[in-house]
């Protein structure tokens, strides 16, 4: 009767353990939460000290933490796991496990006896294989000091075999899901690089954005962009500094007939940005720790090809747009058109003795926006400020993007008091606006808030040249910045 009750209790505990494992695997998606939850279950039923999952990187032949895949396990542990455990588990496949460096197979008739004989009173380590179609993808490590009473009251080995099989399946699915998500992210980066020419044709803007997009995608390696000068030498273009001697030594090896060059240690790669048959730039990826996997090389090769196509089209479009009238990014008049309209409006004001005012505005701390959130977010800010300007003006007012983060507005038939009112209205509208940058791949940030500084001037008979109206508004603008930004200043001769 006692044995029956004991067996019944053992069966119940076994089922409870397996149910909790299955329920957790089915309900928890986050890798960290899942690992923590499984560890708690194993501690509850088996009094284990640790439950850990390691994933093998076939490219670098290193082990990585399953939860934090960018963390490589310490070298002393690498040796123990990779050499003594991981290689041994290849022969075990799904038919066994390792206890204290000894192989135990489920098919053995004396499995329980072998298991008991290998146990120590101090540290006991069990390793189970994580399989992906019979290929070893990782290991599950369970660490416990000794067999507790709770283990004796449960079918320990049977429970572990079933639970580990379920856990392995979920881990492999998560690994495959990570690979799928990375491929989806790659496709988004390719699309983003291709779409750059819809709004930008200046390589000074395009290349940093390409660098930022690739840098976020290839997170294990630092990304640099070099351009080729007239003498054929490569110069760093983005970011501001590169102290990587490995890249510098590798650059001369990238000739026009090569699409890419990989260093001997596999940790650095150069990928050509080409214009027809010539290499005009380089995307460099480098790491002191990680080798470039073949997947990384394939991705970077395709991204460099897309970058080449984008830069070629940008160069072609830029030539055409030299004679265009609109700014590609904001849809406002460009600087060339502004200068034309300035001459027309000042001539009209002088001939018809009508009032005319000019507003110059500049986005405050715009460089900080680019440096902190990236040029893509900066472009989003420029586009949104342009929309606000259009929304606050009359149909016949003339708004232009003068250059960079500067905008210039001509207000025909407008006196200085009215112009100041418009300027203040613009300033307040920009200050209140929440600019959505969530589509620009800025992690953790959905909106930005910016302010503008504004200078206002009025045309008078002393404006002997049209440019003076704009120049005086520019003087007032810089005075607004000097006084603390986010304000409107009207031009006065005393400012000069």
Protein backbone atom coordinates (compact mmCIF):
# COMPACT_ATOMS: atom_id res chain seq x y z
CA UNK A 1 0.00 0.00 0.00
CA UNK A 2 2.86 2.36 0.87
CA UNK A 3 4.63 1.56 -2.41
CA UNK A 4 1.43 2.22 -4.34
CA UNK A 5 0.99 5.63 -2.68
CA UNK A 6 4.64 6.44 -3.29
CA UNK A 7 4.40 5.52 -6.98
CA UNK A 8 1.19 7.51 -7.29
CA UNK A 9 2.88 10.55 -5.74
CA UNK A 10 5.86 10.09 -8.03
CA UNK A 11 3.62 9.93 -11.09
CA UNK A 12 1.69 13.02 -9.98
CA UNK A 13 4.88 15.03 -9.42
CA UNK A 14 6.20 13.94 -12.80
CA UNK A 15 3.02 15.05 -14.56
CA UNK A 16 2.93 18.33 -12.65
CA UNK A 17 6.53 19.06 -13.65
CA UNK A 18 5.93 18.26 -17.32
CA UNK A 19 2.69 20.24 -17.35
CA UNK A 20 4.43 23.35 -15.94
CA UNK A 21 7.22 23.05 -18.51
CA UNK A 22 4.76 22.61 -21.40
CA UNK A 23 2.55 25.44 -20.18
CA UNK A 24 5.53 27.79 -19.87
CA UNK A 25 6.86 26.91 -23.32
CA UNK A 26 3.43 27.56 -24.83
CA UNK A 27 2.76 30.87 -23.07
CA UNK A 28 6.11 32.70 -22.78
CA UNK A 29 7.70 34.17 -25.90
CA UNK A 30 10.50 36.36 -24.58
CA UNK A 31 13.79 34.42 -24.39
CA UNK A 32 14.87 35.85 -21.04
CA UNK A 33 11.48 35.39 -19.39
CA UNK A 34 11.30 31.86 -20.76
CA UNK A 35 14.75 30.90 -19.45
CA UNK A 36 14.01 32.44 -16.04
CA UNK A 37 10.67 30.63 -15.84
CA UNK A 38 12.23 27.25 -16.75
CA UNK A 39 14.99 27.80 -14.21
CA UNK A 40 12.35 28.41 -11.52
CA UNK A 41 10.52 25.21 -12.44
CA UNK A 42 13.70 23.14 -12.30
CA UNK A 43 14.62 24.71 -8.96
CA UNK A 44 11.15 23.89 -7.63
CA UNK A 45 11.14 20.21 -8.60
CA UNK A 46 14.84 19.28 -8.66
CA UNK A 47 16.51 21.93 -6.46
CA UNK A 48 18.98 22.75 -9.26
CA UNK A 49 21.46 25.60 -8.86
CA UNK A 50 21.38 26.73 -12.45
CA UNK A 51 19.59 26.19 -15.74
CA UNK A 52 21.41 27.60 -18.77
CA UNK A 53 21.15 27.39 -22.56
CA UNK A 54 24.13 27.90 -24.88
CA UNK A 55 23.94 28.29 -28.66
CA UNK A 56 26.83 27.39 -30.92
CA UNK A 57 27.92 29.91 -33.54
CA UNK A 58 29.06 27.72 -36.42
CA UNK A 59 30.83 30.65 -38.05
CA UNK A 60 33.04 31.67 -35.13
CA UNK A 61 33.07 28.28 -33.35
CA UNK A 62 32.08 29.96 -30.11
CA UNK A 63 29.26 29.53 -27.66
CA UNK A 64 26.79 32.32 -27.03
CA UNK A 65 24.24 32.99 -24.34
CA UNK A 66 20.81 32.04 -25.71
CA UNK A 67 19.17 35.08 -24.14
CA UNK A 68 21.89 37.63 -24.96
CA UNK A 69 23.19 36.25 -28.24
CA UNK A 70 25.81 39.00 -28.56
CA UNK A 71 27.58 37.74 -25.40
CA UNK A 72 30.27 35.13 -25.98
CA UNK A 73 30.92 32.71 -23.12
CA UNK A 74 34.21 33.13 -21.24
CA UNK A 75 37.23 31.36 -22.76
CA UNK A 76 37.80 28.95 -19.87
CA UNK A 77 34.19 27.86 -20.10
CA UNK A 78 34.46 27.78 -23.90
CA UNK A 79 37.17 25.16 -23.66
CA UNK A 80 35.19 22.98 -21.29
CA UNK A 81 31.96 23.21 -23.26
CA UNK A 82 33.23 23.29 -26.83
CA UNK A 83 36.02 20.75 -26.53
CA UNK A 84 34.82 18.36 -23.82
CA UNK A 85 31.05 18.71 -24.02
CA UNK A 86 29.91 20.04 -27.36
CA UNK A 87 32.07 17.75 -29.47
CA UNK A 88 31.10 14.77 -27.34
CA UNK A 89 27.39 15.51 -27.70
CA UNK A 90 27.72 15.09 -31.47
CA UNK A 91 28.05 11.36 -30.95
CA UNK A 92 25.15 11.31 -28.51
CA UNK A 93 22.67 12.98 -30.87
CA UNK A 94 19.18 12.62 -29.38
CA UNK A 95 19.88 9.32 -27.65
CA UNK A 96 21.54 10.54 -24.49
CA UNK A 97 23.23 13.19 -22.42
CA UNK A 98 26.43 13.90 -20.50
CA UNK A 99 26.74 13.74 -16.72
CA UNK A 100 30.01 14.93 -15.19
CA UNK A 101 31.87 14.47 -18.51
CA UNK A 102 30.55 10.93 -19.05
CA UNK A 103 28.16 9.89 -21.80
CA UNK A 104 24.92 8.22 -20.73
CA UNK A 105 22.51 6.78 -23.27
CA UNK A 106 18.79 6.37 -22.82
CA UNK A 107 18.98 2.94 -24.46
CA UNK A 108 21.22 1.59 -21.70
CA UNK A 109 19.49 -0.99 -19.50
CA UNK A 110 21.55 0.17 -16.53
CA UNK A 111 20.96 3.88 -17.06
CA UNK A 112 19.73 4.55 -13.51
CA UNK A 113 22.65 2.68 -11.97
CA UNK A 114 25.16 4.52 -14.19
CA UNK A 115 23.52 7.82 -13.32
CA UNK A 116 23.67 7.17 -9.55
CA UNK A 117 27.30 6.03 -9.76
CA UNK A 118 28.44 9.27 -11.41
CA UNK A 119 26.76 11.60 -8.92
CA UNK A 120 28.94 13.53 -6.50
CA UNK A 121 28.11 15.27 -3.25
CA UNK A 122 29.25 18.62 -4.61
CA UNK A 123 28.89 19.89 -8.18
CA UNK A 124 26.99 17.85 -10.76
CA UNK A 125 26.65 19.02 -14.36
CA UNK A 126 24.29 17.56 -16.93
CA UNK A 127 24.40 18.58 -20.61
CA UNK A 128 21.63 17.83 -23.08
CA UNK A 129 21.87 18.41 -26.83
CA UNK A 130 19.71 21.00 -28.62
CA UNK A 131 19.09 19.56 -32.07
CA UNK A 132 18.04 21.13 -35.34
CA UNK A 133 17.24 18.30 -37.77
CA UNK A 134 19.87 16.06 -36.15
CA UNK A 135 22.43 18.87 -36.24
CA UNK A 136 23.73 20.06 -32.89
CA UNK A 137 22.63 23.69 -32.40
CA UNK A 138 23.32 24.14 -28.69
CA UNK A 139 23.38 22.65 -25.23
CA UNK A 140 21.22 22.82 -22.14
CA UNK A 141 23.21 22.88 -18.91
CA UNK A 142 21.68 21.84 -15.57
CA UNK A 143 23.78 22.29 -12.44
CA UNK A 144 22.90 20.78 -9.05
CA UNK A 145 24.86 19.85 -5.92
CA UNK A 146 23.36 16.48 -5.04
CA UNK A 147 20.23 14.39 -5.38
CA UNK A 148 17.56 15.96 -3.19
CA UNK A 149 14.49 14.32 -1.72
CA UNK A 150 12.37 16.02 -4.38
CA UNK A 151 14.33 14.27 -7.13
CA UNK A 152 13.80 10.92 -5.45
CA UNK A 153 10.05 11.55 -5.49
CA UNK A 154 9.89 12.04 -9.24
CA UNK A 155 10.88 10.02 -12.29
CA UNK A 156 13.92 12.21 -12.77
CA UNK A 157 15.48 10.88 -15.98
CA UNK A 158 12.21 10.24 -17.82
CA UNK A 159 10.94 13.70 -16.90
CA UNK A 160 14.16 15.33 -18.06
CA UNK A 161 14.17 13.48 -21.37
CA UNK A 162 10.63 14.59 -22.20
CA UNK A 163 11.09 18.15 -20.91
CA UNK A 164 14.43 18.66 -22.66
CA UNK A 165 12.98 17.42 -25.95
CA UNK A 166 10.19 20.00 -25.70
CA UNK A 167 12.59 22.76 -24.65
CA UNK A 168 14.98 21.95 -27.52
CA UNK A 169 12.17 22.22 -30.07
CA UNK A 170 11.14 25.63 -28.75
CA UNK A 171 14.74 26.90 -28.65
CA UNK A 172 15.36 25.81 -32.25
CA UNK A 173 12.13 27.50 -33.33
CA UNK A 174 13.26 30.71 -31.65
CA UNK A 175 16.65 30.50 -33.37
CA UNK A 176 14.93 30.05 -36.73
CA UNK A 177 12.54 32.89 -35.91
CA UNK A 178 15.50 35.18 -35.15
CA UNK A 179 16.97 34.29 -38.53
CA UNK A 180 13.65 35.02 -40.23
CA UNK A 181 13.28 38.36 -38.43
CA UNK A 182 16.83 39.28 -39.43
CA UNK A 183 16.04 38.53 -43.07
CA UNK A 184 12.90 40.66 -42.83
CA UNK A 185 14.99 43.45 -41.32
CA UNK A 186 17.50 43.05 -44.17
CA UNK A 187 14.71 43.47 -46.72
CA UNK A 188 13.55 46.63 -44.91
CA UNK A 189 17.09 48.07 -44.99
CA UNK A 190 17.35 47.28 -48.72
CA UNK A 191 14.02 49.01 -49.30
CA UNK A 192 15.03 52.02 -47.19
CA UNK A 193 18.28 52.47 -49.13
CA UNK A 194 16.39 52.18 -52.43
CA UNK A 195 13.82 54.77 -51.30
CA UNK A 196 16.43 57.36 -50.34
CA UNK A 197 16.44 58.85 -53.82
CA UNK A 198 12.74 59.63 -53.53
CA UNK A 199 13.64 62.55 -51.25
CA UNK A 200 17.42 63.05 -51.44
CA UNK A 201 19.95 63.43 -54.25
CA UNK A 202 22.90 64.83 -52.34
CA UNK A 203 25.51 62.20 -51.44
CA UNK A 204 26.48 64.23 -48.37
CA UNK A 205 23.05 63.28 -47.00
CA UNK A 206 22.61 59.86 -48.61
CA UNK A 207 25.87 58.18 -47.55
CA UNK A 208 25.50 58.87 -43.78
CA UNK A 209 21.95 57.54 -43.88
CA UNK A 210 23.15 54.38 -45.67
CA UNK A 211 25.84 54.00 -43.00
CA UNK A 212 23.33 54.38 -40.17
CA UNK A 213 20.89 51.87 -41.71
CA UNK A 214 23.58 49.22 -42.20
CA UNK A 215 25.11 49.91 -38.77
CA UNK A 216 21.78 49.15 -37.07
CA UNK A 217 21.39 45.97 -39.12
CA UNK A 218 24.90 44.53 -38.64
CA UNK A 219 24.99 45.19 -34.91
CA UNK A 220 27.93 42.84 -34.18
CA UNK A 221 30.31 44.87 -36.38
CA UNK A 222 31.20 48.55 -36.57
CA UNK A 223 30.33 50.11 -39.91
CA UNK A 224 32.33 52.78 -41.74
CA UNK A 225 31.92 54.43 -45.13
CA UNK A 226 34.88 55.60 -47.18
CA UNK A 227 34.85 57.59 -50.42
CA UNK A 228 37.54 57.73 -53.09
CA UNK A 229 39.18 61.08 -53.83
CA UNK A 230 40.49 62.31 -57.19
CA UNK A 231 43.87 60.73 -56.46
CA UNK A 232 42.28 57.32 -56.03
CA UNK A 233 42.82 57.14 -52.26
CA UNK A 234 40.08 56.23 -49.81
CA UNK A 235 39.06 58.81 -47.23
CA UNK A 236 36.77 58.27 -44.24
CA UNK A 237 33.37 59.83 -44.92
CA UNK A 238 31.22 58.46 -42.08
CA UNK A 239 31.36 58.48 -39.06
CA UNK A 240 33.83 61.14 -37.95
CA UNK A 241 36.65 58.85 -36.80
CA UNK A 242 38.14 55.43 -37.49
CA UNK A 243 41.04 54.02 -35.45
CA UNK A 244 40.82 50.54 -36.97
CA UNK A 245 44.26 49.76 -38.41
CA UNK A 246 42.94 46.54 -39.93
CA UNK A 247 40.60 48.47 -42.20
CA UNK A 248 43.35 50.89 -43.24
CA UNK A 249 45.66 48.01 -44.22
CA UNK A 250 42.89 46.27 -46.15
CA UNK A 251 41.66 49.30 -48.14
CA UNK A 252 44.45 49.28 -50.79
CA UNK A 253 43.53 45.68 -51.64
CA UNK A 254 40.05 46.68 -52.85
CA UNK A 255 40.69 47.24 -56.56
CA UNK A 256 38.16 48.20 -59.21
CA UNK A 257 37.86 44.57 -60.31
CA UNK A 258 36.85 43.37 -56.83
CA UNK A 259 33.42 43.67 -55.26
CA UNK A 260 34.64 42.79 -51.77
CA UNK A 261 37.71 41.89 -49.71
CA UNK A 262 37.68 39.89 -46.45
CA UNK A 263 40.60 39.89 -43.99
CA UNK A 264 42.45 36.65 -43.23
CA UNK A 265 40.95 36.43 -39.75
CA UNK A 266 37.47 36.98 -41.18
CA UNK A 267 36.67 39.83 -38.79
CA UNK A 268 36.89 42.69 -41.31
CA UNK A 269 35.20 43.06 -44.67
CA UNK A 270 35.23 45.74 -47.36
CA UNK A 271 32.34 46.00 -49.81
CA UNK A 272 32.58 48.25 -52.86
CA UNK A 273 30.18 51.05 -53.74
CA UNK A 274 30.54 51.25 -57.49
CA UNK A 275 29.70 53.66 -60.27
CA UNK A 276 29.71 51.70 -63.49
CA UNK A 277 33.12 49.96 -63.50
CA UNK A 278 34.82 52.11 -60.87
CA UNK A 279 34.79 51.84 -57.10
CA UNK A 280 33.78 55.22 -55.71
CA UNK A 281 33.32 54.21 -52.08
CA UNK A 282 33.55 51.41 -49.54
CA UNK A 283 31.30 50.00 -46.85
CA UNK A 284 33.63 48.60 -44.17
CA UNK A 285 32.50 46.18 -41.44
CA UNK A 286 34.90 45.35 -38.61
CA UNK A 287 34.97 43.64 -35.22
CA UNK A 288 37.66 42.65 -32.72
CA UNK A 289 35.64 39.61 -31.66
CA UNK A 290 33.24 38.30 -34.28
CA UNK A 291 34.03 36.89 -37.68
CA UNK A 292 31.78 37.81 -40.55
CA UNK A 293 29.54 34.85 -41.22
CA UNK A 294 28.78 33.85 -44.80
CA UNK A 295 25.27 35.17 -44.21
CA UNK A 296 26.69 38.53 -43.10
CA UNK A 297 28.94 38.65 -46.17
CA UNK A 298 26.00 37.86 -48.45
CA UNK A 299 23.85 40.53 -46.80
CA UNK A 300 26.59 43.19 -46.93
CA UNK A 301 27.38 42.34 -50.56
CA UNK A 302 23.74 42.87 -51.52
CA UNK A 303 23.51 46.05 -49.45
CA UNK A 304 26.62 47.46 -51.15
CA UNK A 305 25.08 46.70 -54.56
CA UNK A 306 21.88 48.50 -53.53
CA UNK A 307 23.96 51.41 -52.20
CA UNK A 308 25.76 51.54 -55.56
CA UNK A 309 22.47 51.68 -57.47
CA UNK A 310 21.14 54.39 -55.16
CA UNK A 311 24.25 56.59 -55.42
CA UNK A 312 24.37 56.21 -59.19
CA UNK A 313 20.76 57.31 -59.53
CA UNK A 314 21.30 60.13 -57.07
CA UNK A 315 24.20 61.44 -59.14
CA UNK A 316 22.10 61.26 -62.30
CA UNK A 317 19.10 62.95 -60.72
CA UNK A 318 21.28 65.61 -59.12
CA UNK A 319 22.46 66.69 -62.55
CA UNK A 320 18.86 67.01 -63.75
CA UNK A 321 17.72 68.78 -60.60
CA UNK A 322 20.33 71.50 -60.95
CA UNK A 323 17.75 73.24 -63.10
CA UNK A 324 14.67 72.20 -61.14
CA UNK A 325 12.71 74.59 -58.93
CA UNK A 326 11.64 72.39 -56.00
CA UNK A 327 13.57 70.95 -53.08
CA UNK A 328 13.27 67.16 -53.32
CA UNK A 329 13.01 66.54 -49.57
CA UNK A 330 10.50 69.18 -48.46
CA UNK A 331 8.62 70.03 -51.66
CA UNK A 332 9.28 73.75 -51.08
CA UNK A 333 11.06 76.01 -53.54
CA UNK A 334 14.78 75.31 -53.66
CA UNK A 335 17.46 77.97 -53.22
CA UNK A 336 17.78 78.58 -56.94
CA UNK A 337 14.06 79.26 -57.24
CA UNK A 338 14.09 81.43 -54.11
CA UNK A 339 16.71 83.70 -55.64
CA UNK A 340 14.59 84.02 -58.77
CA UNK A 341 11.42 84.82 -56.81
CA UNK A 342 13.31 87.28 -54.58
CA UNK A 343 14.25 89.36 -57.62
CA UNK A 344 10.69 89.22 -58.95
CA UNK A 345 9.03 90.18 -55.65
CA UNK A 346 11.42 93.02 -54.79
CA UNK A 347 10.98 94.43 -58.31
CA UNK A 348 7.20 94.20 -57.96
CA UNK A 349 7.25 95.87 -54.51
CA UNK A 350 9.39 98.73 -55.81
CA UNK A 351 7.35 99.25 -58.97
CA UNK A 352 3.93 99.13 -57.27
CA UNK A 353 5.10 100.68 -53.98
CA UNK A 354 3.80 97.69 -52.02
CA UNK A 355 5.09 96.25 -48.78
CA UNK A 356 7.16 93.08 -48.75
CA UNK A 357 8.68 91.17 -45.82
CA UNK A 358 11.13 88.31 -45.51
CA UNK A 359 11.33 85.63 -42.81
CA UNK A 360 14.44 83.55 -42.27
CA UNK A 361 14.13 80.61 -39.86
CA UNK A 362 16.53 77.95 -38.68
CA UNK A 363 15.88 74.74 -36.70
CA UNK A 364 17.61 74.98 -33.32
CA UNK A 365 20.28 72.39 -32.48
CA UNK A 366 19.61 70.50 -35.69
CA UNK A 367 23.09 68.95 -35.68
CA UNK A 368 22.24 67.39 -32.31
CA UNK A 369 19.19 65.74 -33.92
CA UNK A 370 21.35 64.23 -36.68
CA UNK A 371 24.12 63.15 -34.32
CA UNK A 372 21.75 61.61 -31.76
CA UNK A 373 18.97 60.07 -33.81
CA UNK A 374 20.50 59.88 -37.28
CA UNK A 375 20.16 61.71 -40.58
CA UNK A 376 16.99 59.81 -41.43
CA UNK A 377 15.31 61.30 -38.34
CA UNK A 378 16.77 64.70 -39.29
CA UNK A 379 15.16 64.46 -42.71
CA UNK A 380 11.86 63.61 -41.04
CA UNK A 381 12.15 66.78 -38.93
CA UNK A 382 12.84 68.90 -42.03
CA UNK A 383 9.84 67.47 -43.84
CA UNK A 384 7.52 68.07 -40.89
CA UNK A 385 8.73 71.64 -40.34
CA UNK A 386 8.10 72.28 -44.05
CA UNK A 387 4.55 70.98 -43.66
CA UNK A 388 3.97 73.33 -40.72
CA UNK A 389 5.27 76.27 -42.75
CA UNK A 390 2.94 75.46 -45.63
CA UNK A 391 0.00 75.09 -43.25
CA UNK A 392 0.57 78.49 -41.62
CA UNK A 393 1.01 80.56 -44.81
CA UNK A 394 -1.26 82.05 -47.42
CA UNK A 395 -1.44 80.54 -50.90
CA UNK A 396 0.57 83.37 -52.45
CA UNK A 397 3.30 83.46 -49.80
CA UNK A 398 6.59 82.02 -51.06
CA UNK A 399 8.33 79.43 -48.88
CA UNK A 400 11.72 77.97 -49.77
CA UNK A 401 14.30 75.68 -48.29
CA UNK A 402 17.37 77.87 -48.42
CA UNK A 403 19.81 75.13 -47.44
CA UNK A 404 20.39 72.58 -44.69
CA UNK A 405 17.98 73.42 -41.86
CA UNK A 406 17.36 77.01 -43.03
CA UNK A 407 14.06 78.16 -44.57
CA UNK A 408 13.24 81.49 -46.19
CA UNK A 409 9.74 82.93 -46.66
CA UNK A 410 8.68 85.92 -48.75
CA UNK A 411 5.44 87.62 -47.67
CA UNK A 412 4.13 89.87 -50.47
CA UNK A 413 1.86 92.80 -49.57
CA UNK A 414 2.70 92.36 -45.87
CA UNK A 415 3.86 94.97 -43.36
CA UNK A 416 6.41 94.27 -40.64
CA UNK A 417 3.87 93.91 -37.78
CA UNK A 418 1.90 91.36 -39.78
CA UNK A 419 5.11 89.53 -40.67
CA UNK A 420 6.09 89.34 -36.99
CA UNK A 421 2.67 87.91 -36.17
CA UNK A 422 3.17 85.21 -38.85
CA UNK A 423 6.69 84.49 -37.54
CA UNK A 424 5.44 84.05 -33.97
CA UNK A 425 2.65 81.79 -35.18
CA UNK A 426 5.18 79.63 -37.03
CA UNK A 427 7.48 79.47 -34.01
CA UNK A 428 4.68 78.36 -31.67
CA UNK A 429 3.36 75.79 -34.16
CA UNK A 430 6.78 74.15 -34.51
CA UNK A 431 7.36 74.22 -30.74
CA UNK A 432 4.06 72.41 -30.06
CA UNK A 433 4.44 69.81 -32.80
CA UNK A 434 5.25 66.17 -31.98
CA UNK A 435 7.27 65.03 -34.97
CA UNK A 436 6.77 61.33 -35.67
CA UNK A 437 10.03 59.54 -36.49
CA UNK A 438 8.89 55.99 -35.67
CA UNK A 439 9.17 54.89 -39.32
CA UNK A 440 12.81 55.94 -39.50
CA UNK A 441 14.10 52.94 -37.53
CA UNK A 442 15.01 54.94 -34.43
CA UNK A 443 14.80 52.36 -31.67
CA UNK A 444 12.87 53.42 -28.60
CA UNK A 445 11.90 56.86 -29.90
CA UNK A 446 8.62 57.67 -31.66
CA UNK A 447 8.51 61.47 -31.59
CA UNK A 448 10.83 64.46 -31.36
CA UNK A 449 10.22 68.08 -30.44
CA UNK A 450 12.23 70.94 -31.93
CA UNK A 451 12.18 74.73 -31.89
CA UNK A 452 13.10 77.41 -34.41
CA UNK A 453 14.82 80.77 -34.34
CA UNK A 454 13.37 83.43 -36.64
CA UNK A 455 14.57 86.67 -38.18
CA UNK A 456 12.22 89.17 -39.90
CA UNK A 457 12.98 92.11 -42.19
CA UNK A 458 10.97 94.53 -44.37
CA UNK A 459 11.71 95.84 -47.86
CA UNK A 460 12.27 99.57 -48.22
CA UNK A 461 13.67 101.92 -50.82
CA UNK A 462 17.16 101.54 -49.36
CA UNK A 463 17.24 97.92 -50.58
CA UNK A 464 19.38 98.75 -53.58
CA UNK A 465 19.85 95.03 -54.37
CA UNK A 466 17.26 92.26 -53.88
CA UNK A 467 19.66 90.18 -51.76
CA UNK A 468 19.70 92.84 -49.04
CA UNK A 469 16.16 91.91 -47.95
CA UNK A 470 17.27 88.36 -47.36
CA UNK A 471 20.58 89.37 -45.79
CA UNK A 472 18.91 91.61 -43.21
CA UNK A 473 16.50 88.82 -42.23
CA UNK A 474 19.54 86.56 -41.86
CA UNK A 475 21.22 89.09 -39.52
CA UNK A 476 18.07 89.13 -37.37
CA UNK A 477 17.99 85.32 -37.37
CA UNK A 478 21.50 85.07 -35.96
CA UNK A 479 20.61 87.65 -33.33
CA UNK A 480 17.68 85.41 -32.31
CA UNK A 481 20.11 82.54 -31.87
CA UNK A 482 22.50 84.73 -29.90
CA UNK A 483 19.70 85.70 -27.53
CA UNK A 484 18.93 82.08 -26.66
CA UNK A 485 17.02 80.60 -29.66
CA UNK A 486 13.31 79.80 -29.96
CA UNK A 487 12.44 83.46 -30.49
CA UNK A 488 11.64 86.04 -33.19
CA UNK A 489 13.87 89.07 -33.81
CA UNK A 490 13.09 91.96 -36.17
CA UNK A 491 15.98 93.45 -38.12
CA UNK A 492 17.28 96.80 -37.01
CA UNK A 493 20.31 98.65 -38.32
CA UNK A 494 21.74 98.57 -34.79
CA UNK A 495 22.20 94.81 -35.17
CA UNK A 496 24.88 95.28 -37.82
